[in-house]
N, C-alpha and C. Protein backbone atom coordinates (compact mmCIF):
# COMPACT_ATOMS: atom_id res chain seq x y z
N MET A 1 -11.20 59.05 163.23
CA MET A 1 -12.52 60.19 163.39
C MET A 1 -12.20 61.11 162.53
N GLU A 2 -11.29 61.81 162.49
CA GLU A 2 -10.82 63.12 161.67
C GLU A 2 -10.76 62.87 160.25
N LYS A 3 -10.23 61.73 159.64
CA LYS A 3 -10.28 61.38 158.26
C LYS A 3 -11.69 61.64 157.82
N TYR A 4 -12.72 61.02 158.61
CA TYR A 4 -14.11 60.81 158.06
C TYR A 4 -14.73 62.37 158.19
N MET A 5 -14.51 62.96 159.07
CA MET A 5 -14.94 64.62 159.62
C MET A 5 -14.48 65.39 158.24
N LYS A 6 -13.09 65.16 158.00
CA LYS A 6 -12.69 65.90 156.67
C LYS A 6 -13.54 65.73 155.47
N ALA A 7 -13.75 64.35 155.25
CA ALA A 7 -14.40 63.95 153.96
C ALA A 7 -15.81 64.52 154.31
N ILE A 8 -16.47 64.49 155.22
CA ILE A 8 -17.82 64.76 155.37
C ILE A 8 -17.94 66.58 155.08
N ARG A 9 -17.10 67.27 155.50
CA ARG A 9 -16.91 68.44 155.68
C ARG A 9 -16.64 68.98 154.02
N GLU A 10 -15.92 68.29 153.30
CA GLU A 10 -15.25 68.53 151.88
C GLU A 10 -16.64 68.08 150.85
N ASN A 11 -17.45 67.11 151.38
CA ASN A 11 -18.38 66.49 150.51
C ASN A 11 -19.64 66.67 151.06
N VAL A 12 -19.99 67.11 152.13
CA VAL A 12 -21.34 67.30 152.71
C VAL A 12 -21.35 68.90 153.01
N CYS A 13 -20.60 69.36 153.75
CA CYS A 13 -20.89 70.90 154.25
C CYS A 13 -20.77 71.73 153.23
N ALA A 14 -19.95 71.29 152.36
CA ALA A 14 -19.74 72.06 151.21
C ALA A 14 -20.93 72.45 150.15
N ILE A 15 -21.91 71.55 150.23
CA ILE A 15 -22.92 71.58 149.43
C ILE A 15 -24.56 72.13 150.52
N CYS A 16 -23.80 71.68 151.92
CA CYS A 16 -25.36 71.91 152.37
C CYS A 16 -25.83 73.21 152.54
N VAL A 17 -27.15 73.51 152.61
CA VAL A 17 -27.86 74.62 152.58
C VAL A 17 -27.63 75.38 153.69
N ASP A 18 -27.19 74.86 154.83
CA ASP A 18 -26.70 75.74 155.70
C ASP A 18 -25.44 76.04 156.08
N SER A 19 -24.89 76.27 154.84
CA SER A 19 -23.31 76.58 154.62
C SER A 19 -23.33 77.98 153.83
N ASN A 20 -22.39 78.64 153.94
CA ASN A 20 -22.08 79.94 153.12
C ASN A 20 -21.45 79.28 151.55
N GLU A 21 -21.08 80.10 150.92
CA GLU A 21 -20.37 79.88 149.67
C GLU A 21 -18.93 79.03 149.60
N MET A 22 -18.56 79.24 150.84
CA MET A 22 -17.16 78.59 151.01
C MET A 22 -17.16 77.40 152.00
N GLY A 23 -18.62 76.79 152.23
CA GLY A 23 -18.99 75.62 152.66
C GLY A 23 -18.72 75.75 154.29
N GLU A 24 -18.62 76.50 154.82
CA GLU A 24 -18.47 77.01 156.29
C GLU A 24 -20.01 77.01 156.80
N CYS A 25 -20.38 76.45 158.19
CA CYS A 25 -21.48 76.12 158.72
C CYS A 25 -22.24 77.70 159.03
N LYS A 26 -23.44 77.80 158.88
CA LYS A 26 -23.69 79.20 159.15
C LYS A 26 -24.80 79.17 160.50
N LEU A 27 -24.85 77.86 161.00
CA LEU A 27 -25.61 77.48 162.19
C LEU A 27 -25.38 78.25 163.24
N THR A 28 -25.93 78.78 164.30
CA THR A 28 -25.45 79.61 165.20
C THR A 28 -25.39 78.80 166.62
N GLU A 29 -24.89 79.11 167.44
CA GLU A 29 -24.63 78.40 168.82
C GLU A 29 -26.21 77.57 169.32
N LYS A 30 -26.92 78.23 169.00
CA LYS A 30 -28.03 77.82 169.38
C LYS A 30 -28.77 76.68 168.71
N GLU A 31 -28.29 76.74 167.38
CA GLU A 31 -28.68 75.51 166.47
C GLU A 31 -27.63 74.49 166.36
N LEU A 32 -27.78 73.20 166.42
CA LEU A 32 -26.86 72.32 166.10
C LEU A 32 -26.92 71.60 165.14
N CYS A 33 -25.92 71.38 164.43
CA CYS A 33 -25.67 70.46 163.22
C CYS A 33 -25.76 68.89 163.62
N ALA A 34 -27.00 68.08 163.47
CA ALA A 34 -27.09 66.54 164.03
C ALA A 34 -25.88 65.85 163.26
N VAL A 35 -25.23 66.08 162.15
CA VAL A 35 -24.38 65.48 161.42
C VAL A 35 -22.94 65.47 162.50
N GLU A 36 -22.73 66.70 162.73
CA GLU A 36 -21.42 66.96 163.62
C GLU A 36 -21.89 66.41 164.92
N LEU A 37 -22.90 66.62 165.57
CA LEU A 37 -23.23 66.36 166.93
C LEU A 37 -23.20 64.70 167.24
N PHE A 38 -23.77 64.01 166.10
CA PHE A 38 -24.00 62.63 166.35
C PHE A 38 -22.98 61.98 165.31
N PHE A 39 -22.06 62.39 165.05
CA PHE A 39 -21.18 61.77 164.32
C PHE A 39 -20.49 60.50 164.73
N PRO A 40 -20.01 60.52 165.86
CA PRO A 40 -19.68 59.02 166.26
C PRO A 40 -20.74 57.95 166.16
N GLN A 41 -21.77 58.23 166.48
CA GLN A 41 -22.87 57.17 166.22
C GLN A 41 -23.42 57.01 165.05
N ILE A 42 -23.27 57.58 164.11
CA ILE A 42 -23.55 57.71 162.75
C ILE A 42 -22.72 56.55 162.31
N LEU A 43 -20.89 56.92 162.31
CA LEU A 43 -20.08 56.09 161.82
C LEU A 43 -20.14 54.93 162.50
N GLU A 44 -20.54 54.59 163.78
CA GLU A 44 -20.81 53.35 164.09
C GLU A 44 -21.88 52.62 163.72
N ILE A 45 -23.24 53.31 163.24
CA ILE A 45 -24.29 52.53 162.50
C ILE A 45 -23.68 51.90 161.07
N VAL A 46 -23.09 52.86 160.64
CA VAL A 46 -22.70 52.63 159.14
C VAL A 46 -21.61 51.33 159.20
N GLN A 47 -20.91 51.71 160.14
CA GLN A 47 -19.53 50.64 159.83
C GLN A 47 -19.95 49.21 160.63
N LYS A 48 -20.93 49.11 161.41
CA LYS A 48 -21.15 47.86 162.25
C LYS A 48 -22.02 46.90 161.24
N SER A 49 -22.66 47.24 160.23
CA SER A 49 -23.68 46.66 159.21
C SER A 49 -22.74 46.44 158.05
N ASN A 50 -22.56 45.14 157.71
CA ASN A 50 -22.22 44.72 156.50
C ASN A 50 -22.76 44.77 155.36
N ASP A 51 -24.23 45.04 155.68
CA ASP A 51 -25.46 45.33 154.43
C ASP A 51 -25.39 46.67 154.26
N ARG A 52 -25.61 46.84 152.90
CA ARG A 52 -25.75 48.15 152.36
C ARG A 52 -26.98 48.71 152.12
N ASP A 53 -28.04 48.08 152.82
CA ASP A 53 -29.43 48.47 152.68
C ASP A 53 -29.76 49.58 153.52
N TYR A 54 -30.13 50.58 152.56
CA TYR A 54 -30.06 51.94 153.24
C TYR A 54 -31.41 51.90 154.34
N ASP A 55 -32.63 51.04 154.26
CA ASP A 55 -33.65 50.93 154.92
C ASP A 55 -33.07 50.67 156.40
N LEU A 56 -32.15 49.64 156.40
CA LEU A 56 -31.66 49.19 157.57
C LEU A 56 -30.69 50.32 158.53
N PHE A 57 -30.08 51.22 157.82
CA PHE A 57 -29.21 52.16 158.26
C PHE A 57 -30.35 53.46 158.65
N GLU A 58 -31.42 53.56 158.20
CA GLU A 58 -32.28 54.69 158.45
C GLU A 58 -33.03 54.14 159.80
N LYS A 59 -33.51 52.78 159.97
CA LYS A 59 -33.84 52.27 160.93
C LYS A 59 -32.98 52.42 162.21
N ALA A 60 -31.89 52.00 161.87
CA ALA A 60 -30.74 51.99 163.08
C ALA A 60 -30.58 53.46 163.36
N LEU A 61 -30.46 54.61 162.31
CA LEU A 61 -30.21 56.01 162.77
C LEU A 61 -31.51 56.53 163.47
N LYS A 62 -32.65 56.38 163.28
CA LYS A 62 -33.81 56.51 164.04
C LYS A 62 -33.77 55.92 165.26
N GLU A 63 -33.58 54.66 165.60
CA GLU A 63 -33.32 53.96 167.07
C GLU A 63 -32.24 54.39 167.69
N ASP A 64 -30.85 54.74 167.15
CA ASP A 64 -29.87 55.22 167.96
C ASP A 64 -29.36 56.58 168.02
N VAL A 65 -30.01 57.51 167.09
CA VAL A 65 -29.67 58.78 167.18
C VAL A 65 -30.95 59.73 167.30
N CYS A 66 -31.97 59.61 166.38
CA CYS A 66 -33.16 60.38 166.31
C CYS A 66 -33.59 60.56 167.87
N LYS A 67 -33.75 59.54 168.44
CA LYS A 67 -34.29 59.32 169.92
C LYS A 67 -33.74 60.14 170.61
N LYS A 68 -32.26 60.56 170.49
CA LYS A 68 -31.68 61.17 171.41
C LYS A 68 -31.70 62.81 171.18
N CYS A 69 -32.16 62.98 169.92
CA CYS A 69 -32.26 64.46 169.50
C CYS A 69 -33.19 65.17 169.97
N ARG A 70 -33.03 66.46 170.24
CA ARG A 70 -33.86 67.38 171.22
C ARG A 70 -34.96 67.81 170.25
N ALA A 71 -34.96 67.75 168.95
CA ALA A 71 -36.18 68.04 167.91
C ALA A 71 -36.85 66.87 167.50
N SER A 72 -36.45 65.57 168.32
CA SER A 72 -37.49 64.42 168.03
C SER A 72 -38.29 64.28 169.11
N THR A 73 -39.52 64.03 169.12
CA THR A 73 -40.30 63.47 170.24
C THR A 73 -40.34 62.12 170.69
N ASP A 74 -40.34 61.46 169.75
CA ASP A 74 -40.19 59.88 169.77
C ASP A 74 -39.44 59.36 169.13
N GLY A 75 -38.61 59.58 168.32
CA GLY A 75 -37.78 59.09 167.34
C GLY A 75 -38.50 59.01 166.11
N ASP A 76 -39.72 58.94 166.06
CA ASP A 76 -40.52 58.79 164.51
C ASP A 76 -40.85 60.24 164.22
N TYR A 77 -41.50 60.85 165.20
CA TYR A 77 -41.83 62.38 164.64
C TYR A 77 -40.56 63.48 164.99
N CYS A 78 -40.32 64.37 164.06
CA CYS A 78 -39.39 65.21 164.28
C CYS A 78 -39.70 66.32 163.35
N TYR A 79 -40.00 67.53 163.82
CA TYR A 79 -40.46 68.64 162.97
C TYR A 79 -39.47 69.29 162.18
N LEU A 80 -38.02 68.88 162.52
CA LEU A 80 -36.93 69.06 161.44
C LEU A 80 -37.27 68.35 160.31
N ARG A 81 -37.35 67.14 160.65
CA ARG A 81 -37.21 66.27 159.61
C ARG A 81 -38.50 66.39 158.55
N GLU A 82 -39.60 66.63 159.26
CA GLU A 82 -41.05 67.18 158.49
C GLU A 82 -40.69 68.09 157.29
N ASP A 83 -40.16 68.99 157.61
CA ASP A 83 -39.82 70.00 156.57
C ASP A 83 -38.60 69.88 155.71
N SER A 84 -37.71 68.69 156.14
CA SER A 84 -36.28 68.81 155.36
C SER A 84 -35.48 69.76 156.05
N ASN A 85 -35.51 70.01 157.31
CA ASN A 85 -34.58 70.96 158.05
C ASN A 85 -33.64 70.40 158.61
N CYS A 86 -33.46 68.91 158.59
CA CYS A 86 -32.49 68.40 159.41
C CYS A 86 -31.40 68.04 158.35
N ALA A 87 -30.08 68.31 158.60
CA ALA A 87 -29.03 68.00 157.53
C ALA A 87 -28.66 66.68 157.65
N LEU A 88 -28.87 65.74 158.60
CA LEU A 88 -28.54 64.35 159.00
C LEU A 88 -29.51 63.78 158.00
N ASP A 89 -30.92 63.94 158.20
CA ASP A 89 -31.93 63.24 157.30
C ASP A 89 -31.67 63.58 155.81
N ARG A 90 -31.40 64.78 155.42
CA ARG A 90 -31.30 65.57 154.36
C ARG A 90 -30.20 64.81 153.56
N TYR A 91 -29.11 64.83 154.13
CA TYR A 91 -27.86 64.13 153.47
C TYR A 91 -27.33 62.65 154.10
N PHE A 92 -28.15 61.83 154.49
CA PHE A 92 -27.87 60.60 155.10
C PHE A 92 -27.32 59.73 153.99
N PRO A 93 -28.02 59.42 152.92
CA PRO A 93 -27.48 58.80 151.82
C PRO A 93 -26.08 58.96 151.35
N LEU A 94 -25.66 60.43 151.29
CA LEU A 94 -24.37 61.11 151.20
C LEU A 94 -23.50 60.55 152.11
N ILE A 95 -23.65 60.59 153.39
CA ILE A 95 -22.86 60.65 154.59
C ILE A 95 -22.57 59.10 154.40
N VAL A 96 -23.47 58.17 154.43
CA VAL A 96 -23.09 56.73 154.05
C VAL A 96 -22.15 56.48 153.09
N GLU A 97 -22.50 56.91 152.06
CA GLU A 97 -21.32 56.74 150.58
C GLU A 97 -19.97 57.42 151.16
N ILE A 98 -20.14 58.42 151.77
CA ILE A 98 -18.49 59.19 151.83
C ILE A 98 -18.13 58.12 153.13
N ILE A 99 -18.79 57.64 154.05
CA ILE A 99 -18.03 56.54 155.14
C ILE A 99 -17.39 55.43 154.25
N HIS A 100 -18.31 54.86 153.38
CA HIS A 100 -17.88 53.87 152.85
C HIS A 100 -16.72 54.17 151.81
N LYS A 101 -16.75 55.12 151.21
CA LYS A 101 -15.45 55.48 150.53
C LYS A 101 -14.21 55.88 151.32
N VAL A 102 -14.20 56.31 152.20
CA VAL A 102 -13.31 56.68 153.32
C VAL A 102 -12.58 55.08 153.72
N ASP A 103 -13.67 54.36 154.18
CA ASP A 103 -13.14 53.11 154.43
C ASP A 103 -12.44 52.07 153.43
N ALA A 104 -12.90 52.42 152.27
CA ALA A 104 -12.31 51.69 150.69
C ALA A 104 -10.98 52.64 150.76
N GLY A 105 -10.59 53.44 150.97
CA GLY A 105 -9.38 54.18 150.80
C GLY A 105 -9.80 55.14 149.69
N LYS A 106 -10.92 55.48 149.27
CA LYS A 106 -11.27 56.08 147.91
C LYS A 106 -11.42 57.63 148.40
N LEU A 107 -11.45 58.19 149.52
CA LEU A 107 -11.47 59.56 149.91
C LEU A 107 -10.28 59.78 150.75
């Protein structure tokens, strides 16, 4: 799990709008990063599918992760996603790519 989180921190956190110029998260204790909070589930979603269809990943993400998030009312509506304020939603395609690269030994 650590190799994935290291790659996420280097490639996602470093460019996240919620990070400072050194790639360190600026979210407070009251704000949670969905990527970090739900990473075990995200990793499972990406790895359990042999398909690389982003729509299937997104559907699984909404069913397995978004429904558990406190910002989501029913898995479909999320006030954070509505204004692009969810890091998971914002960076999900990049996260999927990073997981595949780590699995392939390219990161």
